[in-house]
Structures are given as structure tokens and as C-alpha cells.
């Protein structure tokens, strides 16, 4: 059987991703993000109740369909949280849970949004390596 390496498979996989999925741009602007979460401002500044905040949070989560959208939303939330004084960071970080929305990052000025929405090719390579070993396709010379 021909030798198949993880490096070869990963190279082919990355080439396929580049060819099949052309880069797209985020369609959600920071202005749009701000309009979705505007009703949360009284709650996260300890000046009012939760009110209609959760409908905005849920709407924003539903609107962020692509990885570019999710990364844009993450960066906008990060920027918004860092730009207002008097924000209760604990309440901001807890909003997704309070509103019943699951996101893979903490809303915080220190969040690295690139870690949570982009493909991790190292993980994919390890999966393929394990698959090659499982199928006995590795050359044992």
C-alpha cells in the first residue's frame, strides 16, 4: 500500500478548504451588534432590570450564521464592553447563560475571538492521523 502521511492529508485538506470555501466577509456590523444588545445596557450597568435584553441576545445569536459573522460579533462585543465605563463585567459575561444562549467564549475585553470561531487544523490532522493508524494505512518501513 502507498504511504499516506498526516502532512500529505492535511495539505490536501487545507487546499480543498481554500478551493471549495472562498473567503466571505462578515455581514454583521458593529452597529448591528450594538442595536441588538442596546436594551441590555441598563442591566449590565446596574441601572435597570433585564427587560427585553434576552430577545436581543437571542436575535444576535441567531443572526450570526457564518464563522465570519461569529468572529465579527465576538470582536464587536469585546470592543463595546471595553468602551463603556460602569459596565458590570460579571453581568456581561453571564448574559448568554441568563438568556439561554450558548456561546463558546466569555464576553470580555480580553477575549481572543480568533480562538473560538476558526477551524483548528491541528485537531483535524490528529483525527486523520488516528484514522490512518486505525485503518492500517501507515507505511511501517
N, C-alpha and C. Protein backbone atom coordinates (compact mmCIF):
# COMPACT_ATOMS: atom_id res chain seq x y z
N UNK A 1 0.83 -1.17 0.00
CA UNK A 1 0.00 0.00 0.00
C UNK A 1 0.88 1.24 0.00
N UNK A 2 0.43 2.29 -0.64
CA UNK A 2 1.18 3.53 -0.70
C UNK A 2 1.20 4.19 0.66
N UNK A 3 2.32 4.87 0.94
CA UNK A 3 2.44 5.57 2.22
C UNK A 3 1.60 6.85 2.19
N UNK A 4 0.79 7.00 3.22
CA UNK A 4 -0.03 8.20 3.35
C UNK A 4 0.37 8.86 4.66
N UNK A 5 0.81 10.12 4.60
CA UNK A 5 1.22 10.80 5.81
C UNK A 5 0.17 11.82 6.23
N UNK A 6 0.19 12.12 7.50
CA UNK A 6 -0.74 13.13 8.02
C UNK A 6 -0.47 14.47 7.35
N UNK A 7 0.81 14.75 7.12
CA UNK A 7 1.18 16.01 6.48
C UNK A 7 0.58 16.10 5.08
N UNK A 8 0.60 15.00 4.33
CA UNK A 8 0.03 14.99 2.99
C UNK A 8 -1.48 15.20 3.03
N UNK A 9 -2.13 14.51 3.94
CA UNK A 9 -3.57 14.63 4.05
C UNK A 9 -3.95 16.04 4.48
N UNK A 10 -3.22 16.59 5.44
CA UNK A 10 -3.52 17.95 5.90
C UNK A 10 -3.30 18.98 4.80
N UNK A 11 -2.26 18.78 4.02
CA UNK A 11 -2.01 19.69 2.90
C UNK A 11 -3.15 19.64 1.91
N UNK A 12 -3.61 18.43 1.58
CA UNK A 12 -4.74 18.28 0.67
C UNK A 12 -6.02 18.85 1.27
N UNK A 13 -6.21 18.63 2.56
CA UNK A 13 -7.40 19.14 3.23
C UNK A 13 -7.42 20.67 3.22
N UNK A 14 -6.29 21.29 3.52
CA UNK A 14 -6.24 22.75 3.52
C UNK A 14 -6.44 23.31 2.12
N UNK A 15 -5.87 22.64 1.11
CA UNK A 15 -6.06 23.09 -0.27
C UNK A 15 -7.54 22.98 -0.65
N UNK A 16 -8.19 21.91 -0.23
CA UNK A 16 -9.61 21.73 -0.54
C UNK A 16 -10.45 22.81 0.13
N UNK A 17 -10.12 23.14 1.36
CA UNK A 17 -10.87 24.18 2.06
C UNK A 17 -10.72 25.51 1.33
N UNK A 18 -9.50 25.82 0.90
CA UNK A 18 -9.27 27.07 0.19
C UNK A 18 -10.01 27.10 -1.14
N UNK A 19 -10.03 25.98 -1.86
CA UNK A 19 -10.67 25.93 -3.16
C UNK A 19 -12.20 25.87 -3.07
N UNK A 20 -12.70 25.13 -2.12
CA UNK A 20 -14.14 24.92 -2.02
C UNK A 20 -14.84 26.07 -1.30
N UNK A 21 -14.21 26.63 -0.29
CA UNK A 21 -14.85 27.66 0.52
C UNK A 21 -14.13 29.00 0.33
N UNK A 22 -14.56 29.77 -0.66
CA UNK A 22 -13.91 31.06 -0.84
C UNK A 22 -14.18 31.95 0.36
N UNK A 23 -13.21 32.84 0.65
CA UNK A 23 -13.40 33.69 1.82
C UNK A 23 -14.63 34.56 1.69
N UNK A 24 -15.35 34.68 2.78
CA UNK A 24 -16.51 35.55 2.77
C UNK A 24 -16.32 36.60 3.85
N UNK A 25 -17.08 37.64 3.75
CA UNK A 25 -16.97 38.72 4.71
C UNK A 25 -18.15 38.66 5.67
N UNK A 26 -17.90 39.13 6.87
CA UNK A 26 -18.96 39.18 7.86
C UNK A 26 -20.03 40.16 7.39
N UNK A 27 -21.27 39.78 7.59
CA UNK A 27 -22.37 40.65 7.19
C UNK A 27 -22.97 41.40 8.37
N UNK A 28 -22.46 41.13 9.57
CA UNK A 28 -22.98 41.79 10.76
C UNK A 28 -21.99 42.87 11.20
N UNK A 29 -22.43 44.11 11.15
CA UNK A 29 -21.57 45.23 11.53
C UNK A 29 -21.65 45.46 13.04
N UNK A 30 -20.71 46.25 13.55
CA UNK A 30 -20.76 46.58 14.97
C UNK A 30 -21.99 47.41 15.31
N UNK A 31 -22.46 48.21 14.37
CA UNK A 31 -23.69 48.96 14.58
C UNK A 31 -24.87 48.04 14.78
N UNK A 32 -24.90 46.97 13.99
CA UNK A 32 -25.97 45.97 14.12
C UNK A 32 -25.88 45.26 15.46
N UNK A 33 -24.66 44.89 15.84
CA UNK A 33 -24.46 44.23 17.14
C UNK A 33 -24.95 45.14 18.26
N UNK A 34 -24.56 46.41 18.20
CA UNK A 34 -24.96 47.37 19.24
C UNK A 34 -26.48 47.51 19.31
N UNK A 35 -27.13 47.51 18.15
CA UNK A 35 -28.60 47.64 18.17
C UNK A 35 -29.27 46.41 18.80
N UNK A 36 -28.69 45.23 18.59
CA UNK A 36 -29.25 44.02 19.21
C UNK A 36 -29.13 44.05 20.73
N UNK A 37 -28.01 44.55 21.24
CA UNK A 37 -27.76 44.46 22.69
C UNK A 37 -27.99 45.78 23.43
N UNK A 38 -28.48 46.79 22.74
CA UNK A 38 -28.72 48.10 23.35
C UNK A 38 -29.64 47.99 24.57
N UNK A 39 -30.63 47.15 24.50
CA UNK A 39 -31.58 47.02 25.62
C UNK A 39 -30.95 46.37 26.85
N UNK A 40 -29.73 45.85 26.72
CA UNK A 40 -29.04 45.22 27.85
C UNK A 40 -28.27 46.23 28.69
N UNK A 41 -28.07 47.42 28.16
CA UNK A 41 -27.24 48.41 28.84
C UNK A 41 -27.71 48.73 30.27
N UNK A 42 -29.00 48.97 30.51
CA UNK A 42 -29.41 49.22 31.91
C UNK A 42 -29.07 48.06 32.85
N UNK A 43 -29.24 46.84 32.35
CA UNK A 43 -28.97 45.66 33.19
C UNK A 43 -27.48 45.53 33.51
N UNK A 44 -26.62 45.66 32.50
CA UNK A 44 -25.18 45.44 32.73
C UNK A 44 -24.49 46.63 33.40
N UNK A 45 -25.21 47.76 33.54
CA UNK A 45 -24.67 48.90 34.28
C UNK A 45 -25.34 49.05 35.65
N UNK A 46 -26.09 48.02 36.04
CA UNK A 46 -26.78 48.01 37.34
C UNK A 46 -27.77 49.16 37.49
N UNK A 47 -28.37 49.59 36.39
CA UNK A 47 -29.31 50.70 36.43
C UNK A 47 -30.74 50.30 36.08
N UNK A 48 -30.95 49.00 35.83
CA UNK A 48 -32.29 48.58 35.47
C UNK A 48 -32.39 47.07 35.38
N UNK A 49 -33.61 46.59 35.11
CA UNK A 49 -33.84 45.14 35.02
C UNK A 49 -33.35 44.57 33.68
N UNK A 50 -33.40 43.27 33.59
CA UNK A 50 -33.02 42.57 32.36
C UNK A 50 -33.92 42.97 31.20
N UNK A 51 -35.20 43.15 31.48
CA UNK A 51 -36.14 43.63 30.46
C UNK A 51 -36.11 42.81 29.18
N UNK A 52 -36.01 43.49 28.05
CA UNK A 52 -36.04 42.81 26.75
C UNK A 52 -34.65 42.45 26.24
N UNK A 53 -33.67 42.51 27.12
CA UNK A 53 -32.29 42.21 26.74
C UNK A 53 -32.16 40.84 26.08
N UNK A 54 -32.79 39.83 26.65
CA UNK A 54 -32.61 38.46 26.13
C UNK A 54 -33.13 38.29 24.71
N UNK A 55 -34.17 39.01 24.34
CA UNK A 55 -34.63 38.88 22.96
C UNK A 55 -33.58 39.43 22.00
N UNK A 56 -32.86 40.48 22.40
CA UNK A 56 -31.77 41.00 21.58
C UNK A 56 -30.60 40.04 21.51
N UNK A 57 -30.25 39.45 22.65
CA UNK A 57 -29.14 38.48 22.70
C UNK A 57 -29.47 37.26 21.83
N UNK A 58 -30.69 36.76 21.94
CA UNK A 58 -31.10 35.60 21.14
C UNK A 58 -31.16 35.95 19.65
N UNK A 59 -31.63 37.14 19.33
CA UNK A 59 -31.67 37.56 17.93
C UNK A 59 -30.29 37.69 17.33
N UNK A 60 -29.36 38.25 18.11
CA UNK A 60 -27.98 38.38 17.64
C UNK A 60 -27.34 37.01 17.43
N UNK A 61 -27.58 36.13 18.36
CA UNK A 61 -27.02 34.77 18.23
C UNK A 61 -27.57 34.08 16.98
N UNK A 62 -28.84 34.24 16.70
CA UNK A 62 -29.45 33.62 15.51
C UNK A 62 -28.94 34.27 14.22
N UNK A 63 -28.63 35.56 14.28
CA UNK A 63 -28.18 36.27 13.08
C UNK A 63 -26.74 35.92 12.69
N UNK A 64 -25.94 35.49 13.66
CA UNK A 64 -24.53 35.17 13.41
C UNK A 64 -24.42 33.74 12.88
N UNK A 65 -24.61 33.58 11.58
CA UNK A 65 -24.68 32.23 10.98
C UNK A 65 -23.32 31.70 10.53
N UNK A 66 -22.45 32.54 9.99
CA UNK A 66 -21.17 32.07 9.47
C UNK A 66 -20.06 32.28 10.49
N UNK A 67 -18.92 31.65 10.29
CA UNK A 67 -17.81 31.85 11.21
C UNK A 67 -17.33 33.30 11.16
N UNK A 68 -17.43 33.93 10.00
CA UNK A 68 -17.03 35.34 9.89
C UNK A 68 -17.98 36.22 10.70
N UNK A 69 -19.28 35.90 10.63
CA UNK A 69 -20.26 36.63 11.44
C UNK A 69 -19.97 36.46 12.93
N UNK A 70 -19.73 35.22 13.34
CA UNK A 70 -19.49 34.95 14.77
C UNK A 70 -18.23 35.65 15.25
N UNK A 71 -17.19 35.67 14.41
CA UNK A 71 -15.96 36.36 14.80
C UNK A 71 -16.20 37.87 14.87
N UNK A 72 -16.94 38.40 13.92
CA UNK A 72 -17.26 39.82 13.92
C UNK A 72 -18.07 40.20 15.16
N UNK A 73 -19.08 39.40 15.49
CA UNK A 73 -19.90 39.66 16.67
C UNK A 73 -19.02 39.62 17.92
N UNK A 74 -18.17 38.62 18.03
CA UNK A 74 -17.28 38.49 19.18
C UNK A 74 -16.40 39.74 19.32
N UNK A 75 -15.79 40.16 18.22
CA UNK A 75 -14.92 41.35 18.27
C UNK A 75 -15.70 42.61 18.60
N UNK A 76 -16.91 42.73 18.07
CA UNK A 76 -17.74 43.90 18.37
C UNK A 76 -18.16 43.92 19.84
N UNK A 77 -18.58 42.78 20.36
CA UNK A 77 -18.96 42.72 21.78
C UNK A 77 -17.77 43.06 22.66
N UNK A 78 -16.62 42.53 22.30
CA UNK A 78 -15.39 42.80 23.05
C UNK A 78 -15.11 44.30 23.05
N UNK A 79 -15.24 44.93 21.91
CA UNK A 79 -15.00 46.37 21.79
C UNK A 79 -16.04 47.18 22.56
N UNK A 80 -17.31 46.79 22.42
CA UNK A 80 -18.38 47.51 23.12
C UNK A 80 -18.20 47.45 24.63
N UNK A 81 -17.88 46.25 25.14
CA UNK A 81 -17.71 46.08 26.58
C UNK A 81 -16.54 46.93 27.08
N UNK A 82 -15.49 47.01 26.29
CA UNK A 82 -14.32 47.79 26.69
C UNK A 82 -14.50 49.29 26.56
N UNK A 83 -15.50 49.72 25.81
CA UNK A 83 -15.66 51.16 25.55
C UNK A 83 -16.60 51.87 26.52
N UNK A 84 -17.37 51.15 27.30
CA UNK A 84 -18.30 51.76 28.24
C UNK A 84 -17.74 51.70 29.65
N UNK A 85 -17.84 52.81 30.38
CA UNK A 85 -17.45 52.77 31.79
C UNK A 85 -18.70 52.39 32.60
N UNK A 86 -18.46 51.78 33.73
CA UNK A 86 -19.57 51.41 34.59
C UNK A 86 -20.22 50.09 34.25
N UNK A 87 -19.61 49.33 33.34
CA UNK A 87 -20.15 48.02 32.95
C UNK A 87 -19.79 46.99 34.03
N UNK A 88 -20.75 46.19 34.42
CA UNK A 88 -20.52 45.09 35.34
C UNK A 88 -20.10 43.89 34.49
N UNK A 89 -18.78 43.63 34.45
CA UNK A 89 -18.25 42.57 33.58
C UNK A 89 -18.82 41.19 33.93
N UNK A 90 -19.14 40.96 35.20
CA UNK A 90 -19.74 39.69 35.60
C UNK A 90 -21.12 39.51 34.97
N UNK A 91 -21.92 40.58 34.97
CA UNK A 91 -23.23 40.50 34.34
C UNK A 91 -23.12 40.32 32.83
N UNK A 92 -22.16 41.01 32.22
CA UNK A 92 -21.96 40.87 30.77
C UNK A 92 -21.58 39.43 30.44
N UNK A 93 -20.62 38.88 31.17
CA UNK A 93 -20.16 37.52 30.91
C UNK A 93 -21.28 36.50 31.15
N UNK A 94 -22.20 36.82 32.06
CA UNK A 94 -23.29 35.90 32.38
C UNK A 94 -24.51 36.02 31.48
N UNK A 95 -24.54 37.05 30.62
CA UNK A 95 -25.73 37.26 29.77
C UNK A 95 -26.12 36.05 28.93
N UNK A 96 -25.18 35.42 28.22
CA UNK A 96 -25.61 34.26 27.41
C UNK A 96 -26.33 33.20 28.24
N UNK A 97 -25.78 32.87 29.40
CA UNK A 97 -26.41 31.87 30.26
C UNK A 97 -27.76 32.31 30.78
N UNK A 98 -27.84 33.56 31.22
CA UNK A 98 -29.10 34.10 31.74
C UNK A 98 -30.17 34.07 30.65
N UNK A 99 -29.75 34.30 29.41
CA UNK A 99 -30.69 34.37 28.29
C UNK A 99 -30.89 33.02 27.59
N UNK A 100 -30.22 31.97 28.06
CA UNK A 100 -30.40 30.65 27.47
C UNK A 100 -29.72 30.48 26.12
N UNK A 101 -28.62 31.20 25.92
CA UNK A 101 -27.87 31.11 24.66
C UNK A 101 -26.49 30.55 24.99
N UNK A 102 -26.02 29.64 24.17
CA UNK A 102 -24.70 29.04 24.39
C UNK A 102 -23.70 29.60 23.39
N UNK A 103 -22.66 30.23 23.90
CA UNK A 103 -21.56 30.68 23.04
C UNK A 103 -20.26 30.13 23.63
N UNK A 104 -19.26 29.85 22.79
CA UNK A 104 -18.04 29.18 23.28
C UNK A 104 -16.98 30.13 23.84
N UNK A 105 -17.35 31.34 24.21
CA UNK A 105 -16.37 32.27 24.76
C UNK A 105 -17.03 33.15 25.81
N UNK A 106 -16.20 33.77 26.62
CA UNK A 106 -16.68 34.70 27.63
C UNK A 106 -16.66 36.10 27.02
N UNK A 107 -17.75 36.83 27.16
CA UNK A 107 -17.78 38.20 26.66
C UNK A 107 -16.97 39.05 27.62
N UNK A 108 -15.82 39.52 27.13
CA UNK A 108 -14.88 40.24 27.97
C UNK A 108 -13.94 41.06 27.08
N UNK A 109 -13.42 42.17 27.61
CA UNK A 109 -12.45 42.94 26.82
C UNK A 109 -11.17 42.17 26.50
N UNK A 110 -10.91 41.09 27.22
CA UNK A 110 -9.68 40.33 26.99
C UNK A 110 -9.88 39.06 26.15
N UNK A 111 -11.06 38.83 25.64
CA UNK A 111 -11.34 37.63 24.86
C UNK A 111 -10.58 37.66 23.53
N UNK A 112 -9.95 36.53 23.18
CA UNK A 112 -9.31 36.38 21.88
C UNK A 112 -10.31 35.68 20.97
N UNK A 113 -11.03 36.47 20.20
CA UNK A 113 -12.13 35.94 19.39
C UNK A 113 -11.67 34.94 18.34
N UNK A 114 -10.43 35.01 17.91
CA UNK A 114 -9.95 34.08 16.87
C UNK A 114 -9.86 32.65 17.37
N UNK A 115 -9.76 32.44 18.67
CA UNK A 115 -9.64 31.09 19.23
C UNK A 115 -10.94 30.31 19.19
N UNK A 116 -12.06 30.99 19.05
CA UNK A 116 -13.33 30.33 19.24
C UNK A 116 -14.15 30.11 17.98
N UNK A 117 -13.75 30.68 16.88
CA UNK A 117 -14.60 30.57 15.71
C UNK A 117 -13.88 30.06 14.46
N UNK A 118 -12.60 29.85 14.52
CA UNK A 118 -11.86 29.40 13.35
C UNK A 118 -11.55 27.92 13.45
N UNK A 119 -11.34 27.30 12.33
CA UNK A 119 -11.05 25.87 12.27
C UNK A 119 -9.66 25.61 12.83
N UNK A 120 -9.52 24.59 13.64
CA UNK A 120 -8.23 24.21 14.19
C UNK A 120 -7.69 23.03 13.39
N UNK A 121 -6.75 23.32 12.47
CA UNK A 121 -6.23 22.29 11.58
C UNK A 121 -5.37 21.26 12.31
N UNK A 122 -4.78 21.61 13.44
CA UNK A 122 -4.02 20.64 14.22
C UNK A 122 -4.92 19.51 14.69
N UNK A 123 -6.10 19.86 15.16
CA UNK A 123 -7.07 18.85 15.61
C UNK A 123 -7.47 17.97 14.44
N UNK A 124 -7.74 18.57 13.28
CA UNK A 124 -8.13 17.81 12.10
C UNK A 124 -7.02 16.86 11.68
N UNK A 125 -5.77 17.33 11.70
CA UNK A 125 -4.64 16.46 11.34
C UNK A 125 -4.52 15.28 12.29
N UNK A 126 -4.72 15.52 13.57
CA UNK A 126 -4.65 14.42 14.54
C UNK A 126 -5.77 13.41 14.32
N UNK A 127 -6.94 13.88 13.95
CA UNK A 127 -8.04 12.97 13.65
C UNK A 127 -7.68 12.09 12.45
N UNK A 128 -7.14 12.71 11.39
CA UNK A 128 -6.74 11.94 10.22
C UNK A 128 -5.60 10.97 10.54
N UNK A 129 -4.66 11.39 11.36
CA UNK A 129 -3.56 10.51 11.76
C UNK A 129 -4.11 9.28 12.46
N UNK A 130 -5.04 9.50 13.39
CA UNK A 130 -5.64 8.38 14.11
C UNK A 130 -6.44 7.48 13.16
N UNK A 131 -7.11 8.07 12.19
CA UNK A 131 -7.85 7.29 11.21
C UNK A 131 -6.91 6.44 10.36
N UNK A 132 -5.78 7.02 9.95
CA UNK A 132 -4.78 6.28 9.16
C UNK A 132 -4.25 5.10 9.97
N UNK A 133 -3.94 5.36 11.24
CA UNK A 133 -3.45 4.27 12.10
C UNK A 133 -4.51 3.19 12.28
N UNK A 134 -5.75 3.61 12.48
CA UNK A 134 -6.85 2.67 12.67
C UNK A 134 -7.06 1.79 11.44
N UNK A 135 -6.94 2.40 10.27
CA UNK A 135 -7.15 1.66 9.03
C UNK A 135 -5.91 0.92 8.57
N UNK A 136 -4.79 1.10 9.25
CA UNK A 136 -3.56 0.41 8.90
C UNK A 136 -2.94 0.91 7.60
N UNK A 137 -3.10 2.18 7.28
CA UNK A 137 -2.58 2.72 6.03
C UNK A 137 -1.18 3.31 6.18
N UNK A 138 -0.65 3.37 7.37
CA UNK A 138 0.67 3.94 7.58
C UNK A 138 1.73 2.95 7.11
N UNK A 139 2.69 3.45 6.36
CA UNK A 139 3.81 2.65 5.89
C UNK A 139 4.75 2.43 7.08
N UNK A 140 5.08 1.19 7.37
CA UNK A 140 5.90 0.87 8.55
C UNK A 140 7.35 0.62 8.21
N UNK A 141 7.84 1.14 7.09
CA UNK A 141 9.25 0.94 6.74
C UNK A 141 10.18 1.44 7.77
